[in-house]
Protein backbone atom coordinates (compact mmCIF):
# COMPACT_ATOMS: atom_id res chain seq x y z
CA UNK A 1 15.64 -60.06 -10.80
CA UNK A 2 12.46 -58.66 -9.14
CA UNK A 3 10.26 -56.40 -11.21
CA UNK A 4 10.80 -52.67 -10.64
CA UNK A 5 7.62 -50.98 -9.42
CA UNK A 6 7.15 -47.43 -8.23
CA UNK A 7 4.42 -45.51 -6.42
CA UNK A 8 4.35 -41.72 -6.28
CA UNK A 9 2.41 -38.77 -4.91
CA UNK A 10 2.55 -35.06 -5.72
CA UNK A 11 1.06 -32.00 -4.07
CA UNK A 12 0.82 -28.27 -4.79
CA UNK A 13 0.34 -25.72 -2.02
CA UNK A 14 -1.50 -23.45 -2.19
CA UNK A 15 -3.67 -24.66 -5.02
CA UNK A 16 -5.58 -21.40 -5.33
CA UNK A 17 -4.92 -17.71 -4.69
CA UNK A 18 -4.44 -14.32 -6.24
CA UNK A 19 -1.82 -13.42 -8.81
CA UNK A 20 1.10 -13.51 -8.59
CA UNK A 21 0.76 -16.88 -6.82
CA UNK A 22 3.83 -18.69 -5.48
CA UNK A 23 3.24 -22.45 -5.24
CA UNK A 24 5.38 -25.10 -3.54
CA UNK A 25 5.32 -28.46 -5.31
CA UNK A 26 6.35 -31.67 -3.55
CA UNK A 27 6.82 -35.20 -4.92
CA UNK A 28 7.19 -38.35 -2.85
CA UNK A 29 8.30 -41.57 -4.52
CA UNK A 30 8.51 -45.20 -3.34
CA UNK A 31 10.73 -46.98 -5.93
CA UNK A 32 10.41 -50.44 -4.37
CA UNK A 33 13.12 -52.82 -5.64
CA UNK A 34 14.21 -50.55 -8.49
CA UNK A 35 17.87 -49.87 -9.11
CA UNK A 36 19.19 -46.41 -9.83
CA UNK A 37 18.18 -42.85 -9.07
CA UNK A 38 14.74 -41.31 -9.46
CA UNK A 39 14.55 -38.40 -11.89
CA UNK A 40 11.79 -35.81 -11.86
CA UNK A 41 10.09 -33.71 -14.48
CA UNK A 42 7.58 -31.02 -13.47
CA UNK A 43 5.39 -29.34 -16.07
CA UNK A 44 3.67 -26.36 -14.43
CA UNK A 45 1.11 -25.97 -17.19
CA UNK A 46 1.91 -22.36 -18.09
CA UNK A 47 4.51 -22.90 -20.84
CA UNK A 48 7.34 -22.04 -18.44
CA UNK A 49 10.55 -24.12 -18.23
CA UNK A 50 10.19 -27.50 -16.52
CA UNK A 51 11.76 -28.27 -13.13
CA UNK A 52 13.80 -31.40 -12.36
CA UNK A 53 13.93 -31.47 -8.55
CA UNK A 54 11.65 -33.34 -6.17
CA UNK A 55 10.28 -30.19 -4.53
CA UNK A 56 10.39 -27.14 -6.78
CA UNK A 57 8.53 -23.86 -6.35
CA UNK A 58 6.89 -21.88 -9.10
CA UNK A 59 5.14 -18.50 -9.40
CA UNK A 60 2.10 -18.04 -11.61
CA UNK A 61 2.00 -14.44 -12.80
CA UNK A 62 -1.44 -14.35 -14.44
CA UNK A 63 -4.94 -15.39 -13.51
CA UNK A 64 -6.19 -18.72 -14.88
CA UNK A 65 -6.46 -22.43 -14.17
CA UNK A 66 -3.27 -24.40 -14.82
CA UNK A 67 -2.92 -28.18 -15.04
CA UNK A 68 0.44 -29.34 -13.70
CA UNK A 69 2.08 -32.74 -14.12
CA UNK A 70 4.81 -34.50 -12.16
CA UNK A 71 6.63 -37.41 -13.81
CA UNK A 72 9.07 -39.55 -11.81
CA UNK A 73 11.25 -42.09 -13.58
CA UNK A 74 13.63 -44.85 -12.42
CA UNK A 75 15.06 -47.81 -14.35
CA UNK A 76 12.64 -47.19 -17.22
CA UNK A 77 9.60 -47.17 -14.92
CA UNK A 78 7.51 -43.98 -14.79
CA UNK A 79 4.91 -42.70 -12.33
CA UNK A 80 2.83 -39.60 -13.05
CA UNK A 81 0.54 -37.35 -11.00
CA UNK A 82 -1.44 -34.33 -12.13
CA UNK A 83 -3.41 -31.54 -10.51
CA UNK A 84 -4.59 -27.99 -11.02
CA UNK A 85 -3.70 -24.57 -9.67
CA UNK A 86 -6.26 -21.79 -9.93
CA UNK A 87 -4.98 -18.23 -9.93
CA UNK A 88 -7.61 -15.58 -9.23
CA UNK A 89 -7.47 -11.99 -10.42
CA UNK A 90 -6.27 -9.61 -7.72
CA UNK A 91 -8.56 -6.59 -7.26
CA UNK A 92 -7.89 -3.50 -5.16
CA UNK A 93 -10.36 -0.81 -4.10
CA UNK A 94 -9.18 2.39 -2.45
CA UNK A 95 -10.40 5.74 -1.21
CA UNK A 96 -8.83 8.92 0.16
CA UNK A 97 -10.13 10.98 3.09
CA UNK A 98 -8.74 14.53 3.21
CA UNK A 99 -9.28 17.03 6.05
CA UNK A 100 -9.54 19.92 5.34
CA UNK A 101 -9.61 20.37 1.58
CA UNK A 102 -9.39 24.17 1.68
CA UNK A 103 -8.28 27.00 3.94
CA UNK A 104 -5.82 29.83 4.30
CA UNK A 105 -2.05 29.47 4.28
CA UNK A 106 -0.30 27.91 6.04
CA UNK A 107 -2.79 25.04 5.76
CA UNK A 108 -2.25 21.79 7.67
CA UNK A 109 -3.95 18.83 5.97
CA UNK A 110 -4.37 15.21 7.09
CA UNK A 111 -4.41 12.63 4.29
CA UNK A 112 -5.82 9.18 5.08
CA UNK A 113 -5.89 6.34 2.56
CA UNK A 114 -7.97 3.18 2.73
CA UNK A 115 -7.31 0.12 0.55
CA UNK A 116 -9.27 -3.14 0.30
CA UNK A 117 -7.43 -5.92 -1.58
CA UNK A 118 -9.19 -9.09 -2.70
CA UNK A 119 -7.40 -12.29 -3.79
CA UNK A 120 -4.07 -10.48 -3.67
CA UNK A 121 -0.67 -11.57 -2.38
CA UNK A 122 1.41 -9.26 -0.20
CA UNK A 123 0.88 -6.01 1.67
CA UNK A 124 -0.56 -2.78 0.32
CA UNK A 125 1.90 0.11 -0.17
CA UNK A 126 0.89 3.77 -0.28
CA UNK A 127 2.26 6.79 -2.11
CA UNK A 128 0.95 10.33 -1.58
CA UNK A 129 1.83 13.05 -4.08
CA UNK A 130 0.83 16.34 -2.44
CA UNK A 131 1.03 18.30 -5.69
CA UNK A 132 3.52 20.90 -4.45
CA UNK A 133 6.82 19.20 -5.47
CA UNK A 134 7.52 18.21 -1.86
CA UNK A 135 8.65 14.73 -0.78
CA UNK A 136 5.95 12.06 -1.11
CA UNK A 137 4.26 10.41 1.86
CA UNK A 138 4.45 6.61 2.10
CA UNK A 139 2.13 5.84 5.02
CA UNK A 140 -1.59 5.18 4.87
CA UNK A 141 -2.18 8.32 6.95
CA UNK A 142 0.11 11.35 6.71
CA UNK A 143 0.04 15.04 7.54
CA UNK A 144 1.25 17.80 5.24
CA UNK A 145 1.43 21.59 5.48
CA UNK A 146 0.95 23.91 2.50
CA UNK A 147 2.84 27.10 3.40
CA UNK A 148 1.69 29.22 0.46
CA UNK A 149 -1.57 29.80 -1.42
CA UNK A 150 -2.46 27.95 -4.59
CA UNK A 151 -4.36 25.04 -6.09
CA UNK A 152 -2.58 21.74 -5.43
CA UNK A 153 -3.69 18.48 -7.14
CA UNK A 154 -2.94 15.52 -4.87
CA UNK A 155 -2.81 11.83 -5.81
CA UNK A 156 -3.00 8.65 -3.74
CA UNK A 157 -1.51 5.52 -5.29
CA UNK A 158 -2.17 2.21 -3.50
CA UNK A 159 -0.36 -0.86 -4.79
CA UNK A 160 -0.42 -4.57 -3.97
CA UNK A 161 1.59 -7.01 -6.08
CA UNK A 162 1.10 -5.55 -9.57
CA UNK A 163 -2.40 -4.15 -8.98
CA UNK A 164 -2.77 -0.38 -8.57
CA UNK A 165 -5.60 1.85 -7.36
CA UNK A 166 -5.48 5.66 -7.47
CA UNK A 167 -7.53 8.55 -6.07
CA UNK A 168 -7.08 12.22 -6.88
CA UNK A 169 -8.33 15.57 -5.71
CA UNK A 170 -7.38 19.22 -5.23
CA UNK A 171 -6.38 21.22 -2.16
CA UNK A 172 -7.28 24.91 -2.34
CA UNK A 173 -5.10 27.22 -0.24
CA UNK A 174 -6.05 30.91 -0.02
CA UNK A 175 -3.78 33.76 1.07
CA UNK A 176 -3.48 34.36 4.78
CA UNK A 177 -5.95 36.92 6.12
CA UNK A 178 -4.47 40.41 6.33
CA UNK A 179 -3.86 41.76 9.83
CA UNK A 180 -6.44 44.43 10.86
CA UNK A 181 -5.15 48.01 10.58
CA UNK A 182 -3.92 49.66 13.77
CA UNK A 183 -6.20 52.54 14.66
CA UNK A 184 -4.94 55.88 15.94
CA UNK A 185 -5.10 56.49 19.71
CA UNK A 186 -8.05 58.81 19.22
CA UNK A 187 -10.13 55.87 17.93
CA UNK A 188 -9.89 53.98 21.23
CA UNK A 189 -11.57 54.32 24.56
CA UNK A 190 -9.07 53.61 27.31
CA UNK A 191 -10.20 52.16 30.61
CA UNK A 192 -7.98 53.41 33.39
CA UNK A 193 -8.11 51.86 36.82
CA UNK A 194 -8.91 53.88 39.90
CA UNK A 195 -5.30 53.71 40.96
CA UNK A 196 -4.46 55.88 37.97
CA UNK A 197 -6.31 58.79 39.58
CA UNK A 198 -3.37 59.80 41.69
CA UNK A 199 -1.23 62.84 41.85
CA UNK A 200 1.18 63.31 39.03
CA UNK A 201 4.26 65.40 38.88
CA UNK A 202 4.20 68.93 40.25
CA UNK A 203 0.49 69.36 40.73
CA UNK A 204 -0.72 67.37 37.68
CA UNK A 205 -3.31 64.60 37.77
CA UNK A 206 -4.16 61.54 35.63
CA UNK A 207 -7.63 61.83 34.13
CA UNK A 208 -9.69 59.25 32.31
CA UNK A 209 -11.81 60.15 29.30
CA UNK A 210 -14.88 58.30 30.63
């Protein structure tokens, strides 16, 4: 019978990225005149369980460089391919812009968060704790009203994948300004129009005090 020969190729995509990194692996095999079924063994290089399908996927949770190996076997003939996947540390910078940070009650405040991820997978999520036991805000920019005076510590938490960035600060709310006292009529000067200088009842007249 003809000799069994086999050629194979294997790819990993993407081969680099931030953690956690999901990688699609693909093997292609040309078994020639071999009899039987090709079996596969994928070693992802991170001490995780092996895969036995032609095109598995695998997620690398931690930063590092991993050497993977694909081994295809048929009728006692083996073909191997190797490669590397580089997982980069995900970093996240953030800042919070608050306007205003102080004022009298009720105080309306606009909270705006900015986040800059690097080598990260996925979208940034936001969580605003306004420090007054109210429901949290989950948008990058939110408005919130403090109805009573006090000192309220706020916290912004920005998250992407498993990387977290926080910013904190304090909102100072003072009591509402007291209404000015109402003066007695004798404390005012009243301006009366010319039309007020008309005859009153039974021989009386309106007079201004100017």
